Amino acid sequence: MVHQTHEPALQPPAPTGPRKPPGRARSWVSGHWAGLAACAVVVPLSFLVHLLVPSIPVMTTAVVLGILAANLPGTNTLVVGPWRKGLGFAGKKLMRAGIVLLGLKLSIVDVLELGWATFGVVVLIVLLAFGGTYLLGKAFRLPGDQPLLVATGFSICGASAIGAMSAVRRSKHEDTVIPVALVTLCGTLAIAVLPLLMGPLGLGPEAFGQWVGASVHDVGQVVATAQTAGASALAIAIVIKLTRVLTLAPMVAAAGIISRRNGKAGDDGLKLPPIVPGFIIGFVALVAVRSIFNVPVEVLEAATIVQDVVLAAALFGLGSAVRISQLFASKGASLLMALCSWALIAGLGYAGVLLLQL
């Protein structure tokens, strides 16, 4: 009998290198899809509200819908349940993407055309508003990073600035959502009140545009407020507002330096926050691109749409973390402080307009 020998079957080579955990992507999708789907419903709805009522900015609607979702029976259980991870992702990651795209709105050339006097006055208003609001926050005993975040949002560019500052400070989530709600409420108040004061204060269209650009918080709120006085008011308001936005990068960088020097987040073994976060570097890079190159109008319009979409989703996510009871905690201290800050910034902006008219 002839014995046959069988060669062992060839085995596939063992995989080398790190292996991804099985089902990691599937797990991420299953945890986040519900919250992101809610954002996908709310964002078009926010655009529709703005289309029907142009005086209501998309971002304002998104925040308000987030707050309503967090506080109405039925949706509030979804917000803290299956929507939680997706909404958290939107409030953090999509906010940063929107800040990067905000850089394409800014051209250094437009800022320089204002003249050094106007530029200096705008920067002075930002610094005084920031310092004054921070001191108000401390005086009203707002907890944690809330005084810093409210000061950043009110003085620079609303919720986008709050998102940037909270990232470099690694602020607690509860310290971020209240400033976002406050800056939205007060910005909405500006849309209603400032046009009524144009006549009594004796402001022409261009002077009104300067006042709005120097004192209203969010870019969308600036547009909604200034357009009531015509195209010339809107044009100057946007340029001055974007000049305020230009201060975002140095403010965030300064906060990063201070955080590292104080050892924030480093004492407990966590990595120290970066001096300048990557998304701020991206923001500055796109400012440079817009300033140096002739970016096609179609690209700018497409970037604006994408920015509005991701920021609306981010603000819905942040708004969904706000509980109405939090706004009235400590006898409404945060609301009262925000109204005082709103009056301070409006006063500083008006003083700046008068100074420029000398």
Protein backbone atom coordinates (compact mmCIF):
# COMPACT_ATOMS: atom_id res chain seq x y z
CA MET A 1 0.00 0.00 0.00
CA VAL A 2 1.32 3.31 -0.95
CA HIS A 3 1.02 5.92 1.71
CA GLN A 4 0.24 9.37 0.42
CA THR A 5 1.61 12.32 2.20
CA HIS A 6 -0.38 15.47 2.42
CA GLU A 7 1.31 18.79 2.65
CA PRO A 8 -0.25 21.05 5.26
CA ALA A 9 -2.64 23.59 3.82
CA LEU A 10 -1.16 27.00 3.38
CA GLN A 11 -2.34 29.41 6.05
CA PRO A 12 -2.87 33.06 5.26
CA PRO A 13 -0.18 35.28 6.73
CA ALA A 14 -0.98 36.73 10.09
CA PRO A 15 -2.03 40.36 9.82
CA THR A 16 0.52 42.85 10.94
CA GLY A 17 0.08 46.23 12.49
CA PRO A 18 -2.65 47.48 14.78
CA ARG A 19 -6.10 46.09 14.22
CA LYS A 20 -9.16 48.24 14.49
CA PRO A 21 -11.72 47.04 16.98
CA PRO A 22 -14.40 45.09 15.11
CA GLY A 23 -17.55 47.01 14.52
CA ARG A 24 -16.10 50.31 15.70
CA ALA A 25 -17.57 52.31 12.82
CA ARG A 26 -20.87 50.47 13.14
CA SER A 27 -20.94 51.24 16.85
CA TRP A 28 -20.28 54.94 16.20
CA VAL A 29 -23.09 55.12 13.66
CA SER A 30 -25.55 53.31 15.92
CA GLY A 31 -24.75 55.67 18.79
CA HIS A 32 -24.84 58.91 16.80
CA TRP A 33 -27.30 58.48 13.96
CA ALA A 34 -30.45 59.40 15.90
CA GLY A 35 -29.09 62.74 17.14
CA LEU A 36 -27.63 63.60 13.74
CA ALA A 37 -30.94 62.68 12.11
CA ALA A 38 -32.67 65.13 14.45
CA CYS A 39 -30.19 67.79 13.29
CA ALA A 40 -30.96 66.88 9.67
CA VAL A 41 -34.63 67.66 10.35
CA VAL A 42 -34.07 70.84 12.36
CA VAL A 43 -31.57 72.50 10.00
CA PRO A 44 -33.93 72.69 6.96
CA LEU A 45 -36.71 73.78 9.31
CA SER A 46 -34.50 76.63 10.57
CA PHE A 47 -33.81 77.71 6.98
CA LEU A 48 -37.52 77.57 6.21
CA VAL A 49 -38.34 79.83 9.17
CA HIS A 50 -35.70 82.29 7.98
CA LEU A 51 -37.13 82.16 4.46
CA LEU A 52 -40.62 82.93 5.72
CA VAL A 53 -39.47 85.53 8.28
CA PRO A 54 -36.13 86.98 7.08
CA SER A 55 -35.67 88.97 10.29
CA ILE A 56 -35.17 85.70 12.21
CA PRO A 57 -31.64 84.33 11.61
CA VAL A 58 -31.16 80.64 10.93
CA MET A 59 -28.84 80.25 13.93
CA THR A 60 -31.33 81.82 16.32
CA THR A 61 -34.04 79.42 15.21
CA ALA A 62 -31.70 76.45 15.59
CA VAL A 63 -30.78 77.36 19.17
CA VAL A 64 -34.40 78.02 20.13
CA LEU A 65 -35.50 74.69 18.67
CA GLY A 66 -32.73 73.00 20.63
CA ILE A 67 -33.87 74.62 23.86
CA LEU A 68 -37.47 73.64 23.14
CA ALA A 69 -36.46 70.05 22.41
CA ALA A 70 -34.64 69.87 25.74
CA ASN A 71 -37.57 71.21 27.75
CA LEU A 72 -40.76 69.95 26.11
CA PRO A 73 -42.30 66.68 27.33
CA GLY A 74 -41.56 63.86 24.93
CA THR A 75 -38.54 65.26 23.13
CA ASN A 76 -36.70 65.92 26.40
CA THR A 77 -36.39 62.18 26.99
CA LEU A 78 -35.01 61.73 23.46
CA VAL A 79 -32.45 64.51 24.01
CA VAL A 80 -30.98 62.80 27.07
CA GLY A 81 -31.45 59.34 25.57
CA PRO A 82 -30.91 58.19 21.97
CA TRP A 83 -30.14 61.69 20.62
CA ARG A 84 -27.48 62.53 23.20
CA LYS A 85 -24.31 61.33 21.44
CA GLY A 86 -25.25 62.73 18.03
CA LEU A 87 -26.21 66.11 19.46
CA GLY A 88 -22.97 66.22 21.46
CA PHE A 89 -20.98 65.49 18.30
CA ALA A 90 -22.80 68.28 16.46
CA GLY A 91 -22.26 70.80 19.26
CA LYS A 92 -18.54 70.11 19.42
CA LYS A 93 -17.16 68.88 16.10
CA LEU A 94 -19.53 70.64 13.68
CA MET A 95 -19.08 73.89 15.59
CA ARG A 96 -15.34 73.75 14.91
CA ALA A 97 -15.91 73.05 11.22
CA GLY A 98 -18.20 76.09 11.02
CA ILE A 99 -15.58 78.30 12.67
CA VAL A 100 -12.99 77.23 10.09
CA LEU A 101 -15.34 78.11 7.22
CA LEU A 102 -16.06 81.47 8.86
CA GLY A 103 -12.55 82.48 7.77
CA LEU A 104 -13.66 82.66 4.15
CA LYS A 105 -15.97 85.55 5.02
CA LEU A 106 -12.99 87.67 6.10
CA SER A 107 -10.69 89.63 3.86
CA ILE A 108 -7.93 91.74 5.38
CA VAL A 109 -8.33 94.09 2.42
CA ASP A 110 -11.92 94.91 3.46
CA VAL A 111 -10.79 95.55 7.02
CA LEU A 112 -7.97 97.86 5.92
CA GLU A 113 -10.41 99.85 3.78
CA LEU A 114 -12.14 100.92 6.98
CA GLY A 115 -9.08 102.99 7.89
CA TRP A 116 -6.86 102.72 10.92
CA ALA A 117 -9.08 104.99 13.03
CA THR A 118 -12.15 102.79 12.58
CA PHE A 119 -10.10 99.64 13.05
CA GLY A 120 -8.66 100.99 16.31
CA VAL A 121 -12.07 101.99 17.64
CA VAL A 122 -13.54 98.56 16.82
CA VAL A 123 -10.69 96.73 18.58
CA LEU A 124 -11.03 99.06 21.57
CA ILE A 125 -14.76 98.29 21.78
CA VAL A 126 -14.02 94.56 21.70
CA LEU A 127 -11.46 94.84 24.51
CA LEU A 128 -13.65 97.04 26.70
CA ALA A 129 -16.72 94.88 26.09
CA PHE A 130 -14.75 91.74 26.86
CA GLY A 131 -13.28 93.13 30.06
CA GLY A 132 -16.53 94.72 31.23
CA THR A 133 -18.60 91.60 30.57
CA TYR A 134 -16.04 89.37 32.29
CA LEU A 135 -16.16 91.57 35.38
CA LEU A 136 -19.96 91.53 35.31
CA GLY A 137 -19.89 87.75 35.16
CA LYS A 138 -17.64 87.63 38.20
CA ALA A 139 -19.79 90.21 40.02
CA PHE A 140 -22.91 88.11 39.41
CA ARG A 141 -20.96 85.02 40.51
CA LEU A 142 -21.47 82.96 37.38
CA PRO A 143 -19.79 79.59 37.91
CA GLY A 144 -16.78 78.04 36.20
CA ASP A 145 -15.78 79.41 32.80
CA GLN A 146 -19.14 81.10 32.21
CA PRO A 147 -17.86 84.67 32.79
CA LEU A 148 -15.08 84.11 30.24
CA LEU A 149 -17.35 82.45 27.69
CA VAL A 150 -20.10 85.06 27.97
CA ALA A 151 -17.49 87.81 27.58
CA THR A 152 -16.07 86.10 24.49
CA GLY A 153 -19.43 85.54 22.85
CA PHE A 154 -20.84 88.98 23.56
CA SER A 155 -17.73 90.91 22.52
CA ILE A 156 -16.58 88.96 19.44
CA CYS A 157 -18.98 86.81 17.43
CA GLY A 158 -21.61 85.06 19.48
CA ALA A 159 -21.90 81.30 19.73
CA SER A 160 -18.99 80.66 17.34
CA ALA A 161 -16.61 82.50 19.65
CA ILE A 162 -18.00 80.67 22.67
CA GLY A 163 -17.37 77.35 20.93
CA ALA A 164 -13.79 78.34 20.07
CA MET A 165 -12.96 79.58 23.57
CA SER A 166 -14.55 76.61 25.31
CA ALA A 167 -12.47 74.27 23.14
CA VAL A 168 -9.14 75.83 24.09
CA ARG A 169 -10.18 76.11 27.74
CA ARG A 170 -11.69 72.62 27.74
CA SER A 171 -14.65 74.06 29.56
CA LYS A 172 -17.36 71.89 31.07
CA HIS A 173 -20.34 71.32 28.84
CA GLU A 174 -22.71 73.00 31.30
CA ASP A 175 -20.46 76.07 31.30
CA THR A 176 -20.83 76.33 27.52
CA VAL A 177 -24.55 75.91 26.95
CA ILE A 178 -25.72 78.77 29.20
CA PRO A 179 -23.55 81.42 27.44
CA VAL A 180 -24.82 80.18 24.07
CA ALA A 181 -28.43 80.58 25.23
CA LEU A 182 -27.72 84.04 26.65
CA VAL A 183 -25.95 85.34 23.56
CA THR A 184 -28.81 84.07 21.40
CA LEU A 185 -31.49 85.67 23.55
CA CYS A 186 -29.73 89.03 23.74
CA GLY A 187 -28.86 89.02 20.04
CA THR A 188 -32.52 88.43 19.26
CA LEU A 189 -33.39 91.32 21.56
CA ALA A 190 -31.02 93.53 19.56
CA ILE A 191 -32.85 92.68 16.31
CA ALA A 192 -36.08 94.01 17.83
CA VAL A 193 -34.79 96.99 19.83
CA LEU A 194 -31.93 98.63 17.91
CA PRO A 195 -33.94 99.63 14.79
CA LEU A 196 -36.44 101.37 17.11
CA LEU A 197 -33.62 103.49 18.55
CA MET A 198 -32.20 104.61 15.20
CA GLY A 199 -34.44 107.68 14.96
CA PRO A 200 -34.34 108.81 18.62
CA LEU A 201 -30.53 108.58 18.62
CA GLY A 202 -30.27 110.58 15.40
CA LEU A 203 -28.37 107.92 13.45
CA GLY A 204 -28.24 107.91 9.68
CA PRO A 205 -28.04 104.59 7.76
CA GLU A 206 -24.23 104.37 7.76
CA ALA A 207 -23.90 105.39 11.41
CA PHE A 208 -26.60 102.85 12.32
CA GLY A 209 -24.67 100.19 10.40
CA GLN A 210 -21.53 101.07 12.36
CA TRP A 211 -23.43 100.78 15.64
CA VAL A 212 -24.95 97.42 14.72
CA GLY A 213 -21.64 96.00 13.50
CA ALA A 214 -19.86 97.12 16.66
CA SER A 215 -22.42 95.92 19.20
CA VAL A 216 -24.57 93.01 17.95
CA HIS A 217 -23.22 89.57 18.74
CA ASP A 218 -23.69 87.03 15.93
CA VAL A 219 -23.11 87.65 12.21
CA GLY A 220 -26.64 86.53 11.34
CA GLN A 221 -28.09 88.83 13.99
CA VAL A 222 -26.04 91.72 12.57
CA VAL A 223 -27.47 91.09 9.10
CA ALA A 224 -31.03 90.85 10.42
CA THR A 225 -30.67 94.10 12.38
CA ALA A 226 -28.75 96.24 9.88
CA GLN A 227 -30.83 95.38 6.82
CA THR A 228 -33.74 97.31 8.32
CA ALA A 229 -31.84 100.53 7.48
CA GLY A 230 -30.97 99.63 3.90
CA ALA A 231 -28.05 98.34 1.83
CA SER A 232 -25.50 100.95 2.92
CA ALA A 233 -26.12 100.20 6.60
CA LEU A 234 -25.86 96.47 5.95
CA ALA A 235 -22.57 96.77 4.06
CA ILE A 236 -20.75 98.77 6.75
CA ALA A 237 -22.25 96.64 9.53
CA ILE A 238 -20.91 93.42 8.01
CA VAL A 239 -17.38 94.78 7.52
CA ILE A 240 -17.19 96.12 11.07
CA LYS A 241 -18.66 92.90 12.44
CA LEU A 242 -16.09 90.81 10.56
CA THR A 243 -13.37 93.07 11.93
CA ARG A 244 -14.54 92.00 15.39
CA VAL A 245 -14.42 88.38 14.22
CA LEU A 246 -10.77 88.93 13.27
CA THR A 247 -9.94 89.31 16.97
CA LEU A 248 -11.09 85.73 17.62
CA ALA A 249 -7.74 84.12 16.79
CA PRO A 250 -5.54 86.29 19.06
CA MET A 251 -8.08 86.07 21.90
CA VAL A 252 -8.20 82.28 21.72
CA ALA A 253 -4.40 82.08 21.42
CA ALA A 254 -4.04 84.26 24.53
CA ALA A 255 -6.44 81.99 26.41
CA GLY A 256 -4.43 78.96 25.30
CA ILE A 257 -1.19 80.48 26.61
CA ILE A 258 -2.78 81.37 29.95
CA SER A 259 -4.34 77.91 30.28
CA ARG A 260 -1.00 76.21 29.70
CA ARG A 261 0.78 78.56 32.08
CA ASN A 262 -1.79 77.86 34.79
CA GLY A 263 -1.58 74.14 34.13
CA LYS A 264 -5.30 73.85 33.32
CA ALA A 265 -6.15 70.23 32.53
CA GLY A 266 -2.54 69.26 33.12
CA ASP A 267 -2.59 68.68 36.87
CA ASP A 268 -4.87 65.65 36.60
CA GLY A 269 -2.66 63.93 34.06
CA LEU A 270 -4.55 65.08 31.00
CA LYS A 271 -2.81 66.66 28.06
CA LEU A 272 -2.45 70.43 28.26
CA PRO A 273 -4.65 72.40 25.85
CA PRO A 274 -2.92 73.64 22.69
CA ILE A 275 -1.82 77.25 22.47
CA VAL A 276 -3.75 77.58 19.21
CA PRO A 277 -6.26 74.81 18.37
CA GLY A 278 -6.15 73.28 14.93
CA PHE A 279 -9.51 74.71 13.90
CA ILE A 280 -8.30 78.24 14.69
CA ILE A 281 -5.26 77.61 12.48
CA GLY A 282 -7.71 76.53 9.78
CA PHE A 283 -9.74 79.70 10.36
CA VAL A 284 -6.63 81.89 9.95
CA ALA A 285 -5.56 79.93 6.87
CA LEU A 286 -8.89 80.58 5.15
CA VAL A 287 -8.69 84.27 6.08
CA ALA A 288 -5.32 84.32 4.31
CA VAL A 289 -6.75 82.51 1.29
CA ARG A 290 -9.62 85.00 1.01
CA SER A 291 -7.22 87.94 1.45
CA ILE A 292 -4.55 86.81 -1.03
CA PHE A 293 -6.46 85.01 -3.76
CA ASN A 294 -9.43 85.94 -5.88
CA VAL A 295 -11.79 83.27 -4.61
CA PRO A 296 -14.67 82.69 -7.06
CA VAL A 297 -18.04 83.94 -5.92
CA GLU A 298 -19.53 80.49 -6.45
CA VAL A 299 -17.02 78.99 -4.00
CA LEU A 300 -17.77 81.66 -1.39
CA GLU A 301 -21.51 81.14 -1.75
CA ALA A 302 -21.16 77.36 -1.45
CA ALA A 303 -18.90 77.73 1.62
CA THR A 304 -21.45 80.07 3.21
CA ILE A 305 -24.23 77.53 2.74
CA VAL A 306 -22.11 74.72 4.20
CA GLN A 307 -21.07 76.94 7.11
CA ASP A 308 -24.67 77.86 7.86
CA VAL A 309 -25.71 74.20 7.77
CA VAL A 310 -23.00 72.93 10.11
CA LEU A 311 -23.36 75.87 12.52
CA ALA A 312 -27.14 75.46 12.63
CA ALA A 313 -26.66 71.78 13.49
CA ALA A 314 -24.05 72.69 16.10
CA LEU A 315 -26.27 75.30 17.73
CA PHE A 316 -29.21 72.91 17.81
CA GLY A 317 -26.93 70.48 19.62
CA LEU A 318 -25.78 73.11 22.10
CA GLY A 319 -29.29 74.45 22.62
CA SER A 320 -30.53 70.96 23.41
CA ALA A 321 -28.34 70.95 26.53
CA VAL A 322 -30.00 74.05 28.00
CA ARG A 323 -32.57 73.62 30.75
CA ILE A 324 -34.83 76.62 31.27
CA SER A 325 -34.45 76.24 35.02
CA GLN A 326 -30.71 76.87 34.61
CA LEU A 327 -31.36 80.32 33.15
CA PHE A 328 -33.37 81.27 36.23
CA ALA A 329 -30.98 79.72 38.75
CA SER A 330 -29.76 82.03 41.53
CA LYS A 331 -32.77 84.31 41.00
CA GLY A 332 -32.02 84.75 37.30
CA ALA A 333 -28.47 86.02 37.89
CA SER A 334 -27.24 84.85 34.48
CA LEU A 335 -30.14 86.54 32.65
CA LEU A 336 -29.71 89.80 34.55
CA MET A 337 -25.97 89.75 33.96
CA ALA A 338 -26.49 89.15 30.22
CA LEU A 339 -28.90 92.10 29.96
CA CYS A 340 -26.39 94.34 31.74
CA SER A 341 -23.67 93.19 29.35
CA TRP A 342 -25.95 93.75 26.35
CA ALA A 343 -26.59 97.34 27.50
CA LEU A 344 -22.86 97.85 28.09
CA ILE A 345 -21.88 96.69 24.61
CA ALA A 346 -24.66 98.73 22.97
CA GLY A 347 -23.43 101.78 24.88
CA LEU A 348 -19.82 101.17 23.90
CA GLY A 349 -20.80 100.72 20.27
CA TYR A 350 -22.79 103.96 20.29
CA ALA A 351 -19.89 105.82 21.89
CA GLY A 352 -17.62 104.44 19.18
CA VAL A 353 -19.94 105.75 16.46
CA LEU A 354 -19.94 109.21 18.03
CA LEU A 355 -16.14 109.09 18.28
CA LEU A 356 -15.79 108.26 14.59
CA GLN A 357 -18.04 111.20 13.68
CA LEU A 358 -15.75 113.74 15.35
